[in-house]
Amino acid sequence: MGFRPEKRVRVKLEFLRMLARMKLDPARMELLAVFFETYLKLNREEEEQLYRELGKMDKREVDAIMQMTTSWYEKGRAEGRAEGRAEGRVEKARGIICKYLSRKFGDKSAGLQQKVERMTDLETLDYILERLFAANSLEESRAIIWEELSRATQ
């Protein structure tokens, strides 16, 4: 949406007003808002201008808009926290596997550690970790990791 810079805030404001008046269920409202946000992202200065404009509007309408946008913000924060926790668990699993390989097999396991560092699936990493503790050699460890890599890419 190629809106002129001076119209961008006005377009977003009118969209929010329209959305608040529609009284849609939260899922539909969020779907429309996400679609709209994809095509019209405001910069910091424009966001500030939007909030100044909201301050000039009817209190009930502003309350409806703020309630709507606050719920999106809270949902986004919760999703971000969940993604962060999942990423942290992946990093921790990779770190444990690499530390184990390094301690048990030294520098000879460096190539294998590089493969593990590129893995992103927590289930696969957990399965490798469980099986690695039973491995008695670098070759067995390599076979476990390669088997899981090939299974994950199928």
Protein backbone atom coordinates (compact mmCIF):
# COMPACT_ATOMS: atom_id res chain seq x y z
CA MET A 1 0.00 0.00 0.00
CA GLY A 2 1.81 3.06 -1.22
CA PHE A 3 0.32 5.74 1.01
CA ARG A 4 1.94 9.14 1.05
CA PRO A 5 3.82 9.70 4.31
CA GLU A 6 1.39 12.37 5.54
CA LYS A 7 -1.56 9.97 5.02
CA ARG A 8 -0.09 6.86 6.68
CA VAL A 9 -1.11 7.82 10.23
CA ARG A 10 -4.59 8.83 9.10
CA VAL A 11 -5.08 5.54 7.22
CA LYS A 12 -4.02 3.48 10.25
CA LEU A 13 -6.20 5.52 12.58
CA GLU A 14 -9.24 5.07 10.35
CA PHE A 15 -8.53 1.35 10.04
CA LEU A 16 -8.39 0.97 13.83
CA ARG A 17 -11.60 2.95 14.24
CA MET A 18 -13.34 0.80 11.65
CA LEU A 19 -12.08 -2.40 13.26
CA ALA A 20 -13.22 -1.29 16.72
CA ARG A 21 -16.70 -0.47 15.39
CA MET A 22 -17.06 -3.83 13.60
CA LYS A 23 -17.26 -5.79 16.87
CA LEU A 24 -15.69 -8.89 15.32
CA ASP A 25 -14.57 -11.88 17.31
CA PRO A 26 -10.93 -11.57 18.46
CA ALA A 27 -9.55 -14.09 15.94
CA ARG A 28 -11.03 -12.31 12.91
CA MET A 29 -10.04 -8.94 14.29
CA GLU A 30 -6.46 -10.09 14.77
CA LEU A 31 -6.32 -11.62 11.29
CA LEU A 32 -7.37 -8.31 9.72
CA ALA A 33 -4.98 -6.35 11.91
CA VAL A 34 -2.01 -8.57 11.09
CA PHE A 35 -2.79 -8.34 7.38
CA PHE A 36 -3.03 -4.56 7.61
CA GLU A 37 0.15 -4.28 9.73
CA THR A 38 2.05 -6.25 7.13
CA TYR A 39 1.40 -3.57 4.55
CA LEU A 40 1.44 -0.43 6.68
CA LYS A 41 4.10 -0.37 9.35
CA LEU A 42 4.50 2.99 11.05
CA ASN A 43 7.86 4.28 12.17
CA ARG A 44 8.37 5.64 15.70
CA GLU A 45 7.49 9.22 14.77
CA GLU A 46 4.31 8.10 13.01
CA GLU A 47 3.32 5.92 16.00
CA GLU A 48 3.73 8.94 18.27
CA GLN A 49 1.57 10.99 15.92
CA LEU A 50 -1.04 8.20 15.94
CA TYR A 51 -1.19 8.30 19.77
CA ARG A 52 -1.53 12.11 19.69
CA GLU A 53 -4.44 11.73 17.29
CA LEU A 54 -6.02 9.10 19.51
CA GLY A 55 -5.87 11.62 22.35
CA LYS A 56 -8.19 13.92 20.37
CA MET A 57 -10.87 11.27 19.82
CA ASP A 58 -13.93 10.20 21.81
CA LYS A 59 -12.89 8.36 24.99
CA ARG A 60 -15.13 5.31 24.36
CA GLU A 61 -13.74 4.83 20.88
CA VAL A 62 -10.17 5.23 22.12
CA ASP A 63 -10.83 2.72 24.91
CA ALA A 64 -12.09 0.17 22.38
CA ILE A 65 -9.03 0.69 20.17
CA MET A 66 -6.62 0.54 23.10
CA GLN A 67 -8.23 -2.61 24.48
CA MET A 68 -7.97 -4.23 21.06
CA THR A 69 -4.34 -3.25 20.46
CA THR A 70 -3.30 -4.10 24.04
CA SER A 71 -4.60 -7.65 23.64
CA TRP A 72 -2.54 -8.03 20.42
CA TYR A 73 0.52 -6.67 22.19
CA GLU A 74 0.10 -9.06 25.11
CA LYS A 75 -0.44 -12.03 22.80
CA GLY A 76 2.68 -11.09 20.83
CA ARG A 77 4.73 -10.83 24.01
CA ALA A 78 3.51 -14.25 25.20
CA GLU A 79 4.35 -15.81 21.84
CA GLY A 80 7.77 -14.17 21.89
CA ARG A 81 8.49 -15.50 25.37
CA ALA A 82 7.45 -19.02 24.32
CA GLU A 83 9.68 -18.85 21.24
CA GLY A 84 12.56 -17.61 23.38
CA ARG A 85 12.15 -20.46 25.85
CA ALA A 86 12.07 -23.02 23.02
CA GLU A 87 15.18 -21.52 21.42
CA GLY A 88 16.91 -21.58 24.81
CA ARG A 89 16.16 -25.29 25.20
CA VAL A 90 17.55 -25.99 21.71
CA GLU A 91 20.74 -24.06 22.49
CA LYS A 92 21.13 -25.87 25.80
CA ALA A 93 20.70 -29.31 24.20
CA ARG A 94 23.24 -28.45 21.47
CA GLY A 95 25.66 -27.20 24.13
CA ILE A 96 25.35 -30.36 26.22
CA ILE A 97 25.88 -32.63 23.22
CA CYS A 98 28.91 -30.66 22.05
CA LYS A 99 30.41 -30.55 25.53
CA TYR A 100 29.91 -34.30 25.89
CA LEU A 101 31.55 -34.97 22.51
CA SER A 102 34.43 -32.65 23.31
CA ARG A 103 35.09 -34.18 26.72
CA LYS A 104 34.76 -37.76 25.55
CA PHE A 105 36.49 -37.56 22.14
CA GLY A 106 38.40 -34.27 22.11
CA ASP A 107 39.30 -32.46 18.89
CA LYS A 108 38.43 -35.51 16.80
CA SER A 109 34.75 -34.68 17.36
CA ALA A 110 34.98 -31.08 16.04
CA GLY A 111 33.30 -31.88 12.70
CA LEU A 112 30.50 -33.70 14.48
CA GLN A 113 30.04 -30.78 16.86
CA GLN A 114 29.65 -28.46 13.86
CA LYS A 115 26.82 -30.65 12.57
CA VAL A 116 25.12 -30.55 15.97
CA GLU A 117 25.44 -26.74 16.15
CA ARG A 118 23.37 -26.45 12.95
CA MET A 119 20.52 -28.59 14.29
CA THR A 120 17.35 -26.79 15.34
CA ASP A 121 14.83 -29.51 16.20
CA LEU A 122 14.60 -30.05 19.95
CA GLU A 123 13.08 -33.53 19.65
CA THR A 124 15.95 -34.69 17.46
CA LEU A 125 18.53 -33.17 19.79
CA ASP A 126 16.92 -34.80 22.82
CA TYR A 127 16.89 -38.18 21.10
CA ILE A 128 20.55 -37.83 20.12
CA LEU A 129 21.44 -36.87 23.67
CA GLU A 130 19.71 -39.92 25.12
CA ARG A 131 21.45 -42.27 22.71
CA LEU A 132 24.89 -40.65 22.93
CA PHE A 133 25.41 -41.65 26.53
CA ALA A 134 25.35 -45.30 25.42
CA ALA A 135 27.92 -44.72 22.66
CA ASN A 136 31.38 -46.11 23.38
CA SER A 137 33.27 -44.67 20.44
CA LEU A 138 33.41 -41.65 18.19
CA GLU A 139 32.18 -43.87 15.32
CA GLU A 140 29.08 -44.89 17.30
CA SER A 141 28.43 -41.25 18.18
CA ARG A 142 28.83 -40.24 14.54
CA ALA A 143 26.39 -42.98 13.45
CA ILE A 144 23.79 -41.81 15.99
CA ILE A 145 24.02 -38.19 14.86
CA TRP A 146 24.03 -39.01 11.14
CA GLU A 147 21.07 -41.36 11.58
CA GLU A 148 19.06 -38.60 13.26
CA LEU A 149 20.16 -36.01 10.70
CA SER A 150 18.97 -38.24 7.85
CA ARG A 151 15.69 -39.01 9.66
CA ALA A 152 15.08 -35.29 10.28
CA THR A 153 15.59 -34.40 6.62
CA GLN A 154 13.22 -37.05 5.27
